[in-house]
C-alpha cells in the first residue's frame, strides 16, 4: 500500500480479475472504467486487502476478501481489483462438503453391498436400479470433492 493514497468513491476500475467477475457478477469489460463504489457499494478509504460486506450486481449483500491497489492517483485515481470469497465462506463450504461426503460414502458402500447380493438375492431389474443409483452417487461425490478441492485452492488451506 502506498502511503497517503486513498481510494475515494470516484476511484475508477482499471483492472478486474476473474475472481471479481465471479463474486460481483460484473464482467471485466463492464467493470473497467466504472467508479468502484457504483459497482460494489461503499469503498474503504485505504487501499489494500479488505474482508468486508460488499454488494453483488444483483444488489445482494455478500462478504468477500477484496484486494484494492491504487494504480495512479492523479488526475483521476485508478484502481485494480482482485477478489476471492472470504475465508469464513470457504471454511463453511468445506464443512458442508464434508458433511455431505460422509453420508454419501456410506450410501455408496451399502448400495454396493446390496448390489453384490450380500443382503439377499437381487433381480436383474433391481441390479439396474442399483447401478443407476451408484453411478449418480459417485457423480455427486466427484462434484463434492471438486468443491473441496476448490475451497483448498482458494483458501490456501488443506480443506480437511
N, C-alpha and C. Protein backbone atom coordinates (compact mmCIF):
# COMPACT_ATOMS: atom_id res chain seq x y z
N UNK A 1 0.86 -1.17 0.00
CA UNK A 1 0.00 0.00 0.00
C UNK A 1 0.90 1.23 0.00
N UNK A 2 0.59 2.20 -0.85
CA UNK A 2 1.38 3.43 -0.90
C UNK A 2 0.84 4.42 0.10
N UNK A 3 1.73 5.03 0.86
CA UNK A 3 1.34 5.99 1.88
C UNK A 3 0.62 7.19 1.26
N UNK A 4 -0.40 7.68 1.95
CA UNK A 4 -1.07 8.89 1.54
C UNK A 4 -2.05 8.73 0.38
N UNK A 5 -2.18 7.52 -0.18
CA UNK A 5 -3.10 7.31 -1.29
C UNK A 5 -4.41 6.77 -0.72
N UNK A 6 -5.49 7.38 -1.08
CA UNK A 6 -6.80 6.91 -0.64
C UNK A 6 -7.58 6.41 -1.84
N UNK A 7 -8.62 5.62 -1.57
CA UNK A 7 -9.49 5.13 -2.64
C UNK A 7 -10.85 5.80 -2.50
N UNK A 8 -10.99 7.00 -3.03
CA UNK A 8 -12.27 7.69 -2.91
C UNK A 8 -13.35 6.97 -3.73
N UNK A 9 -14.62 7.24 -3.43
CA UNK A 9 -15.70 6.57 -4.15
C UNK A 9 -15.64 6.80 -5.66
N UNK A 10 -14.97 7.85 -6.08
CA UNK A 10 -14.88 8.13 -7.52
C UNK A 10 -13.76 7.34 -8.19
N UNK A 11 -13.02 6.55 -7.42
CA UNK A 11 -11.91 5.77 -7.95
C UNK A 11 -12.43 4.88 -9.09
N UNK A 12 -11.76 4.92 -10.24
CA UNK A 12 -12.20 4.21 -11.44
C UNK A 12 -11.46 2.88 -11.54
N UNK A 13 -12.19 1.83 -11.90
CA UNK A 13 -11.60 0.49 -12.03
C UNK A 13 -10.76 0.40 -13.30
N UNK A 14 -9.51 -0.01 -13.13
CA UNK A 14 -8.58 -0.18 -14.24
C UNK A 14 -8.37 -1.66 -14.55
N UNK A 15 -8.43 -2.51 -13.52
CA UNK A 15 -8.27 -3.96 -13.70
C UNK A 15 -9.29 -4.68 -12.83
N UNK A 16 -9.81 -5.79 -13.33
CA UNK A 16 -10.89 -6.54 -12.66
C UNK A 16 -10.64 -8.01 -12.96
N UNK A 17 -10.21 -8.80 -11.96
CA UNK A 17 -9.84 -10.18 -12.24
C UNK A 17 -11.04 -11.12 -12.31
N UNK A 18 -10.77 -12.39 -12.64
CA UNK A 18 -11.85 -13.38 -12.76
C UNK A 18 -12.56 -13.61 -11.43
N UNK A 19 -11.81 -13.53 -10.34
CA UNK A 19 -12.44 -13.67 -9.03
C UNK A 19 -13.45 -12.58 -8.78
N UNK A 20 -13.11 -11.35 -9.18
CA UNK A 20 -14.04 -10.23 -9.03
C UNK A 20 -15.26 -10.44 -9.94
N UNK A 21 -15.02 -10.95 -11.15
CA UNK A 21 -16.14 -11.23 -12.06
C UNK A 21 -17.10 -12.23 -11.42
N UNK A 22 -16.55 -13.33 -10.90
CA UNK A 22 -17.38 -14.38 -10.31
C UNK A 22 -18.12 -13.90 -9.06
N UNK A 23 -17.45 -13.14 -8.21
CA UNK A 23 -18.07 -12.72 -6.95
C UNK A 23 -19.08 -11.59 -7.12
N UNK A 24 -18.72 -10.61 -7.90
CA UNK A 24 -19.58 -9.42 -8.00
C UNK A 24 -20.59 -9.50 -9.14
N UNK A 25 -20.35 -10.39 -10.12
CA UNK A 25 -21.32 -10.55 -11.20
C UNK A 25 -21.10 -9.66 -12.40
N UNK A 26 -20.13 -8.77 -12.34
CA UNK A 26 -19.83 -7.89 -13.46
C UNK A 26 -18.67 -8.48 -14.26
N UNK A 27 -18.76 -8.46 -15.57
CA UNK A 27 -17.62 -8.86 -16.39
C UNK A 27 -16.56 -7.78 -16.29
N UNK A 28 -15.33 -8.14 -16.65
CA UNK A 28 -14.25 -7.15 -16.63
C UNK A 28 -14.59 -5.99 -17.56
N UNK A 29 -15.14 -6.31 -18.73
CA UNK A 29 -15.45 -5.23 -19.68
C UNK A 29 -16.52 -4.28 -19.14
N UNK A 30 -17.44 -4.80 -18.31
CA UNK A 30 -18.47 -3.94 -17.72
C UNK A 30 -17.94 -3.13 -16.56
N UNK A 31 -16.94 -3.67 -15.83
CA UNK A 31 -16.44 -3.01 -14.63
C UNK A 31 -15.37 -1.97 -14.93
N UNK A 32 -14.50 -2.27 -15.87
CA UNK A 32 -13.38 -1.38 -16.15
C UNK A 32 -13.90 -0.04 -16.68
N UNK A 33 -13.40 1.02 -16.06
CA UNK A 33 -13.82 2.37 -16.43
C UNK A 33 -14.95 2.91 -15.57
N UNK A 34 -15.52 2.07 -14.71
CA UNK A 34 -16.63 2.48 -13.84
C UNK A 34 -16.09 2.87 -12.45
N UNK A 35 -16.78 3.79 -11.76
CA UNK A 35 -16.40 4.07 -10.37
C UNK A 35 -16.63 2.81 -9.52
N UNK A 36 -15.66 2.46 -8.70
CA UNK A 36 -15.74 1.24 -7.90
C UNK A 36 -16.99 1.24 -7.02
N UNK A 37 -17.28 2.34 -6.37
CA UNK A 37 -18.43 2.41 -5.46
C UNK A 37 -19.74 2.14 -6.19
N UNK A 38 -19.84 2.52 -7.45
CA UNK A 38 -21.06 2.28 -8.22
C UNK A 38 -21.27 0.79 -8.46
N UNK A 39 -20.18 0.03 -8.45
CA UNK A 39 -20.27 -1.41 -8.70
C UNK A 39 -20.49 -2.22 -7.43
N UNK A 40 -19.77 -1.89 -6.36
CA UNK A 40 -19.75 -2.78 -5.19
C UNK A 40 -20.26 -2.14 -3.90
N UNK A 41 -20.66 -0.90 -3.93
CA UNK A 41 -21.13 -0.25 -2.71
C UNK A 41 -20.03 0.56 -2.06
N UNK A 42 -20.14 0.74 -0.76
CA UNK A 42 -19.18 1.57 -0.02
C UNK A 42 -17.76 1.01 -0.15
N UNK A 43 -16.83 1.91 -0.42
CA UNK A 43 -15.43 1.53 -0.62
C UNK A 43 -14.60 2.02 0.56
N UNK A 44 -13.79 1.13 1.17
CA UNK A 44 -12.92 1.57 2.27
C UNK A 44 -11.99 2.68 1.79
N UNK A 45 -11.63 3.59 2.70
CA UNK A 45 -10.81 4.74 2.34
C UNK A 45 -9.37 4.37 2.03
N UNK A 46 -8.89 3.26 2.59
CA UNK A 46 -7.49 2.90 2.35
C UNK A 46 -7.39 1.71 1.40
N UNK A 47 -6.46 1.75 0.45
CA UNK A 47 -6.28 0.61 -0.43
C UNK A 47 -5.68 -0.55 0.35
N UNK A 48 -5.72 -1.72 -0.20
CA UNK A 48 -5.17 -2.90 0.47
C UNK A 48 -6.18 -4.01 0.45
N UNK A 49 -6.05 -4.92 1.41
CA UNK A 49 -6.93 -6.09 1.47
C UNK A 49 -8.02 -5.84 2.50
N UNK A 50 -9.25 -6.11 2.11
CA UNK A 50 -10.39 -5.88 2.99
C UNK A 50 -11.33 -7.07 2.93
N UNK A 51 -11.61 -7.67 4.09
CA UNK A 51 -12.69 -8.64 4.19
C UNK A 51 -13.86 -7.84 4.73
N UNK A 52 -14.84 -7.64 3.90
CA UNK A 52 -15.93 -6.75 4.28
C UNK A 52 -17.20 -7.15 3.55
N UNK A 53 -18.25 -6.44 3.87
CA UNK A 53 -19.52 -6.62 3.15
C UNK A 53 -19.48 -5.78 1.90
N UNK A 54 -19.85 -6.39 0.81
CA UNK A 54 -19.87 -5.72 -0.49
C UNK A 54 -21.23 -5.95 -1.10
N UNK A 55 -21.46 -5.43 -2.27
CA UNK A 55 -22.74 -5.60 -2.96
C UNK A 55 -22.50 -6.31 -4.29
N UNK A 56 -23.27 -7.38 -4.52
CA UNK A 56 -23.24 -8.11 -5.79
C UNK A 56 -24.01 -7.30 -6.83
N UNK A 57 -23.80 -7.60 -8.09
CA UNK A 57 -24.51 -6.92 -9.18
C UNK A 57 -26.02 -6.99 -8.99
N UNK A 58 -26.50 -8.11 -8.43
CA UNK A 58 -27.94 -8.29 -8.20
C UNK A 58 -28.47 -7.40 -7.08
N UNK A 59 -27.54 -6.79 -6.33
CA UNK A 59 -27.93 -5.96 -5.19
C UNK A 59 -27.82 -6.71 -3.87
N UNK A 60 -27.60 -8.02 -3.94
CA UNK A 60 -27.50 -8.83 -2.72
C UNK A 60 -26.19 -8.53 -1.99
N UNK A 61 -26.27 -8.41 -0.66
CA UNK A 61 -25.04 -8.20 0.12
C UNK A 61 -24.24 -9.50 0.18
N UNK A 62 -22.92 -9.40 0.30
CA UNK A 62 -22.07 -10.58 0.41
C UNK A 62 -20.78 -10.21 1.11
N UNK A 63 -20.08 -11.22 1.60
CA UNK A 63 -18.76 -10.99 2.21
C UNK A 63 -17.71 -11.54 1.28
N UNK A 64 -16.67 -10.78 1.10
CA UNK A 64 -15.58 -11.21 0.22
C UNK A 64 -14.29 -10.57 0.68
N UNK A 65 -13.20 -11.19 0.29
CA UNK A 65 -11.85 -10.69 0.56
C UNK A 65 -11.43 -9.99 -0.73
N UNK A 66 -11.32 -8.68 -0.68
CA UNK A 66 -11.03 -7.88 -1.87
C UNK A 66 -9.71 -7.14 -1.68
N UNK A 67 -8.85 -7.25 -2.67
CA UNK A 67 -7.59 -6.53 -2.66
C UNK A 67 -7.72 -5.38 -3.64
N UNK A 68 -7.49 -4.16 -3.14
CA UNK A 68 -7.57 -2.97 -3.99
C UNK A 68 -6.18 -2.35 -4.07
N UNK A 69 -5.73 -2.08 -5.25
CA UNK A 69 -4.44 -1.44 -5.45
C UNK A 69 -4.64 -0.19 -6.29
N UNK A 70 -4.22 0.95 -5.74
CA UNK A 70 -4.29 2.19 -6.49
C UNK A 70 -3.17 2.17 -7.52
N UNK A 71 -3.52 2.41 -8.77
CA UNK A 71 -2.55 2.39 -9.87
C UNK A 71 -1.99 3.78 -10.12
N UNK A 72 -2.85 4.75 -10.19
CA UNK A 72 -2.42 6.14 -10.42
C UNK A 72 -3.34 7.06 -9.64
N UNK A 73 -2.78 8.06 -9.00
CA UNK A 73 -3.58 8.92 -8.14
C UNK A 73 -4.01 10.23 -8.80
N UNK A 74 -3.36 10.63 -9.88
CA UNK A 74 -3.72 11.92 -10.47
C UNK A 74 -3.74 11.78 -11.98
N UNK A 75 -4.59 12.48 -12.67
CA UNK A 75 -5.60 13.40 -12.16
C UNK A 75 -6.81 12.67 -11.61
N UNK A 76 -7.03 11.43 -12.02
CA UNK A 76 -8.16 10.65 -11.54
C UNK A 76 -7.62 9.34 -10.98
N UNK A 77 -8.02 8.94 -9.79
CA UNK A 77 -7.48 7.70 -9.24
C UNK A 77 -8.00 6.47 -9.98
N UNK A 78 -7.12 5.54 -10.26
CA UNK A 78 -7.48 4.27 -10.87
C UNK A 78 -7.17 3.16 -9.90
N UNK A 79 -7.92 2.09 -9.97
CA UNK A 79 -7.74 1.01 -9.01
C UNK A 79 -7.79 -0.34 -9.71
N UNK A 80 -6.99 -1.27 -9.23
CA UNK A 80 -7.05 -2.66 -9.69
C UNK A 80 -7.77 -3.46 -8.60
N UNK A 81 -8.70 -4.30 -8.97
CA UNK A 81 -9.49 -5.06 -8.01
C UNK A 81 -9.27 -6.55 -8.22
N UNK A 82 -8.93 -7.23 -7.14
CA UNK A 82 -8.76 -8.68 -7.13
C UNK A 82 -9.63 -9.19 -6.00
N UNK A 83 -10.42 -10.23 -6.23
CA UNK A 83 -11.36 -10.68 -5.20
C UNK A 83 -11.40 -12.19 -5.11
N UNK A 84 -11.75 -12.66 -3.92
CA UNK A 84 -11.99 -14.08 -3.67
C UNK A 84 -12.99 -14.16 -2.52
N UNK A 85 -13.67 -15.32 -2.37
CA UNK A 85 -14.61 -15.44 -1.25
C UNK A 85 -13.89 -15.26 0.07
N UNK A 86 -14.58 -14.72 1.05
CA UNK A 86 -13.98 -14.57 2.38
C UNK A 86 -13.63 -15.94 2.93
N UNK A 87 -12.57 -16.00 3.72
CA UNK A 87 -12.08 -17.27 4.26
C UNK A 87 -13.17 -18.01 5.03
N UNK A 88 -14.00 -17.28 5.75
CA UNK A 88 -15.07 -17.93 6.51
C UNK A 88 -16.05 -18.62 5.57
N UNK A 89 -16.33 -18.01 4.43
CA UNK A 89 -17.22 -18.63 3.46
C UNK A 89 -16.61 -19.90 2.91
N UNK A 90 -15.30 -19.89 2.66
CA UNK A 90 -14.62 -21.09 2.17
C UNK A 90 -14.64 -22.19 3.23
N UNK A 91 -14.44 -21.81 4.49
CA UNK A 91 -14.50 -22.78 5.58
C UNK A 91 -15.87 -23.41 5.66
N UNK A 92 -16.92 -22.60 5.57
CA UNK A 92 -18.29 -23.11 5.61
C UNK A 92 -18.55 -24.05 4.45
N UNK A 93 -18.05 -23.70 3.28
CA UNK A 93 -18.22 -24.53 2.10
C UNK A 93 -17.52 -25.87 2.28
N UNK A 94 -16.30 -25.86 2.79
CA UNK A 94 -15.57 -27.10 3.03
C UNK A 94 -16.27 -27.96 4.07
N UNK A 95 -16.79 -27.34 5.13
CA UNK A 95 -17.50 -28.09 6.16
C UNK A 95 -18.76 -28.73 5.58
N UNK A 96 -19.51 -27.97 4.81
CA UNK A 96 -20.71 -28.51 4.19
C UNK A 96 -20.37 -29.67 3.26
N UNK A 97 -19.32 -29.54 2.48
CA UNK A 97 -18.92 -30.60 1.57
C UNK A 97 -18.56 -31.86 2.35
N UNK A 98 -17.84 -31.71 3.47
CA UNK A 98 -17.51 -32.87 4.31
C UNK A 98 -18.78 -33.50 4.88
N UNK A 99 -19.71 -32.68 5.32
CA UNK A 99 -20.95 -33.20 5.89
C UNK A 99 -21.78 -33.96 4.85
N UNK A 100 -21.66 -33.59 3.59
CA UNK A 100 -22.35 -34.31 2.53
C UNK A 100 -21.58 -35.56 2.12
N UNK A 101 -20.27 -35.46 2.10
CA UNK A 101 -19.45 -36.57 1.62
C UNK A 101 -19.53 -37.79 2.53
N UNK A 102 -19.55 -37.58 3.83
CA UNK A 102 -19.55 -38.71 4.76
C UNK A 102 -20.78 -39.61 4.59
N UNK A 103 -22.00 -39.09 4.64
CA UNK A 103 -23.14 -40.00 4.45
C UNK A 103 -23.22 -40.54 3.01
N UNK A 104 -22.75 -39.78 2.05
CA UNK A 104 -22.78 -40.26 0.67
C UNK A 104 -21.87 -41.47 0.50
N UNK A 105 -20.70 -41.46 1.13
CA UNK A 105 -19.82 -42.63 1.08
C UNK A 105 -20.49 -43.84 1.72
N UNK A 106 -21.24 -43.63 2.78
CA UNK A 106 -21.96 -44.72 3.43
C UNK A 106 -23.04 -45.27 2.49
N UNK A 107 -23.77 -44.39 1.83
CA UNK A 107 -24.80 -44.81 0.88
C UNK A 107 -24.17 -45.63 -0.24
N UNK A 108 -23.05 -45.16 -0.77
CA UNK A 108 -22.37 -45.89 -1.84
C UNK A 108 -21.94 -47.28 -1.35
N UNK A 109 -21.35 -47.34 -0.15
CA UNK A 109 -20.90 -48.61 0.39
C UNK A 109 -22.04 -49.62 0.57
N UNK A 110 -23.14 -49.18 1.16
CA UNK A 110 -24.26 -50.10 1.38
C UNK A 110 -24.93 -50.49 0.06
N UNK A 111 -25.01 -49.57 -0.87
CA UNK A 111 -25.59 -49.89 -2.17
C UNK A 111 -24.74 -50.93 -2.89
N UNK A 112 -23.42 -50.82 -2.78
CA UNK A 112 -22.54 -51.83 -3.38
C UNK A 112 -22.75 -53.20 -2.74
N UNK A 113 -22.92 -53.22 -1.41
CA UNK A 113 -23.17 -54.49 -0.73
C UNK A 113 -24.47 -55.13 -1.21
N UNK A 114 -25.54 -54.34 -1.31
CA UNK A 114 -26.82 -54.87 -1.78
C UNK A 114 -26.68 -55.34 -3.22
N UNK A 115 -26.01 -54.58 -4.05
CA UNK A 115 -25.83 -54.92 -5.46
C UNK A 115 -25.09 -56.25 -5.62
N UNK A 116 -24.13 -56.54 -4.72
CA UNK A 116 -23.37 -57.79 -4.78
C UNK A 116 -24.12 -58.96 -4.15
N UNK A 117 -25.35 -58.71 -3.69
CA UNK A 117 -26.16 -59.80 -3.15
C UNK A 117 -25.88 -60.12 -1.70
N UNK A 118 -25.17 -59.26 -0.99
CA UNK A 118 -24.84 -59.52 0.42
C UNK A 118 -26.06 -59.42 1.33
N UNK A 119 -27.14 -58.79 0.86
CA UNK A 119 -28.36 -58.66 1.66
C UNK A 119 -29.45 -59.59 1.13
N UNK A 120 -29.08 -60.49 0.25
CA UNK A 120 -30.05 -61.41 -0.34
C UNK A 120 -30.02 -61.30 -1.86
N UNK A 121 -30.76 -62.17 -2.52
CA UNK A 121 -30.75 -62.19 -3.99
C UNK A 121 -31.25 -60.86 -4.58
N UNK A 122 -30.67 -60.48 -5.71
CA UNK A 122 -31.02 -59.24 -6.41
C UNK A 122 -31.43 -59.61 -7.83
N UNK A 123 -32.61 -59.15 -8.24
CA UNK A 123 -33.06 -59.43 -9.61
C UNK A 123 -32.27 -58.57 -10.59
N UNK A 124 -32.36 -58.91 -11.87
CA UNK A 124 -31.66 -58.13 -12.90
C UNK A 124 -32.16 -56.69 -12.93
N UNK A 125 -33.45 -56.52 -12.77
CA UNK A 125 -34.03 -55.17 -12.77
C UNK A 125 -33.54 -54.37 -11.56
N UNK A 126 -33.51 -55.00 -10.39
CA UNK A 126 -33.00 -54.34 -9.18
C UNK A 126 -31.52 -53.97 -9.36
N UNK A 127 -30.78 -54.86 -10.01
CA UNK A 127 -29.36 -54.60 -10.27
C UNK A 127 -29.20 -53.34 -11.12
N UNK A 128 -30.05 -53.19 -12.13
CA UNK A 128 -30.01 -51.98 -12.98
C UNK A 128 -30.28 -50.73 -12.15
N UNK A 129 -31.29 -50.80 -11.28
CA UNK A 129 -31.61 -49.65 -10.44
C UNK A 129 -30.44 -49.33 -9.50
N UNK A 130 -29.86 -50.35 -8.92
CA UNK A 130 -28.71 -50.14 -8.03
C UNK A 130 -27.52 -49.56 -8.79
N UNK A 131 -27.29 -50.04 -10.02
CA UNK A 131 -26.21 -49.49 -10.85
C UNK A 131 -26.44 -48.00 -11.13
N UNK A 132 -27.70 -47.65 -11.46
CA UNK A 132 -28.03 -46.24 -11.71
C UNK A 132 -27.80 -45.40 -10.45
N UNK A 133 -28.20 -45.94 -9.30
CA UNK A 133 -28.01 -45.22 -8.03
C UNK A 133 -26.53 -45.03 -7.73
N UNK A 134 -25.74 -46.07 -7.95
CA UNK A 134 -24.31 -45.96 -7.71
C UNK A 134 -23.66 -44.94 -8.64
N UNK A 135 -24.05 -44.97 -9.90
CA UNK A 135 -23.49 -44.00 -10.86
C UNK A 135 -23.80 -42.57 -10.42
N UNK A 136 -25.05 -42.33 -10.05
CA UNK A 136 -25.44 -40.98 -9.61
C UNK A 136 -24.72 -40.58 -8.33
N UNK A 137 -24.62 -41.50 -7.39
CA UNK A 137 -23.95 -41.19 -6.12
C UNK A 137 -22.47 -40.89 -6.34
N UNK A 138 -21.83 -41.65 -7.21
CA UNK A 138 -20.40 -41.41 -7.49
C UNK A 138 -20.19 -40.07 -8.21
N UNK A 139 -21.11 -39.72 -9.11
CA UNK A 139 -21.01 -38.41 -9.78
C UNK A 139 -21.17 -37.29 -8.76
N UNK A 140 -22.11 -37.44 -7.85
CA UNK A 140 -22.30 -36.43 -6.81
C UNK A 140 -21.07 -36.33 -5.93
N UNK A 141 -20.48 -37.47 -5.59
CA UNK A 141 -19.26 -37.47 -4.78
C UNK A 141 -18.13 -36.74 -5.50
N UNK A 142 -18.01 -36.94 -6.81
CA UNK A 142 -16.99 -36.22 -7.58
C UNK A 142 -17.21 -34.72 -7.51
N UNK A 143 -18.46 -34.29 -7.59
CA UNK A 143 -18.76 -32.85 -7.51
C UNK A 143 -18.43 -32.29 -6.13
N UNK A 144 -18.77 -33.04 -5.10
CA UNK A 144 -18.45 -32.60 -3.74
C UNK A 144 -16.94 -32.51 -3.56
N UNK A 145 -16.21 -33.50 -4.06
CA UNK A 145 -14.74 -33.46 -3.98
C UNK A 145 -14.18 -32.27 -4.75
N UNK A 146 -14.82 -31.93 -5.87
CA UNK A 146 -14.41 -30.75 -6.63
C UNK A 146 -14.59 -29.47 -5.81
N UNK A 147 -15.69 -29.39 -5.06
CA UNK A 147 -15.93 -28.23 -4.19
C UNK A 147 -14.84 -28.16 -3.12
N UNK A 148 -14.51 -29.31 -2.53
CA UNK A 148 -13.45 -29.33 -1.52
C UNK A 148 -12.12 -28.90 -2.12
N UNK A 149 -11.80 -29.40 -3.31
CA UNK A 149 -10.55 -29.02 -3.97
C UNK A 149 -10.50 -27.53 -4.22
N UNK A 150 -11.61 -26.97 -4.67
CA UNK A 150 -11.65 -25.53 -4.94
C UNK A 150 -11.48 -24.72 -3.66
N UNK A 151 -12.14 -25.18 -2.59
CA UNK A 151 -12.01 -24.49 -1.31
C UNK A 151 -10.56 -24.53 -0.82
N UNK A 152 -9.89 -25.68 -1.04
CA UNK A 152 -8.47 -25.77 -0.66
C UNK A 152 -7.64 -24.80 -1.47
N UNK A 153 -7.86 -24.76 -2.78
CA UNK A 153 -7.09 -23.85 -3.65
C UNK A 153 -7.34 -22.40 -3.30
N UNK A 154 -8.62 -22.02 -3.21
CA UNK A 154 -8.98 -20.62 -2.97
C UNK A 154 -8.64 -20.17 -1.56
N UNK A 155 -8.71 -21.09 -0.60
CA UNK A 155 -8.45 -20.71 0.78
C UNK A 155 -7.02 -20.91 1.21
N UNK A 156 -6.25 -21.61 0.38
CA UNK A 156 -4.84 -21.83 0.71
C UNK A 156 -4.65 -22.83 1.83
N UNK A 157 -5.73 -23.52 2.24
CA UNK A 157 -5.60 -24.49 3.32
C UNK A 157 -5.65 -25.89 2.80
N UNK A 158 -5.74 -26.83 3.74
CA UNK A 158 -5.79 -28.22 3.33
C UNK A 158 -7.21 -28.71 3.11
N UNK A 159 -8.21 -27.92 3.55
CA UNK A 159 -9.60 -28.26 3.33
C UNK A 159 -10.09 -29.44 4.14
N UNK A 160 -9.24 -30.01 4.98
CA UNK A 160 -9.64 -31.18 5.76
C UNK A 160 -10.08 -30.77 7.14
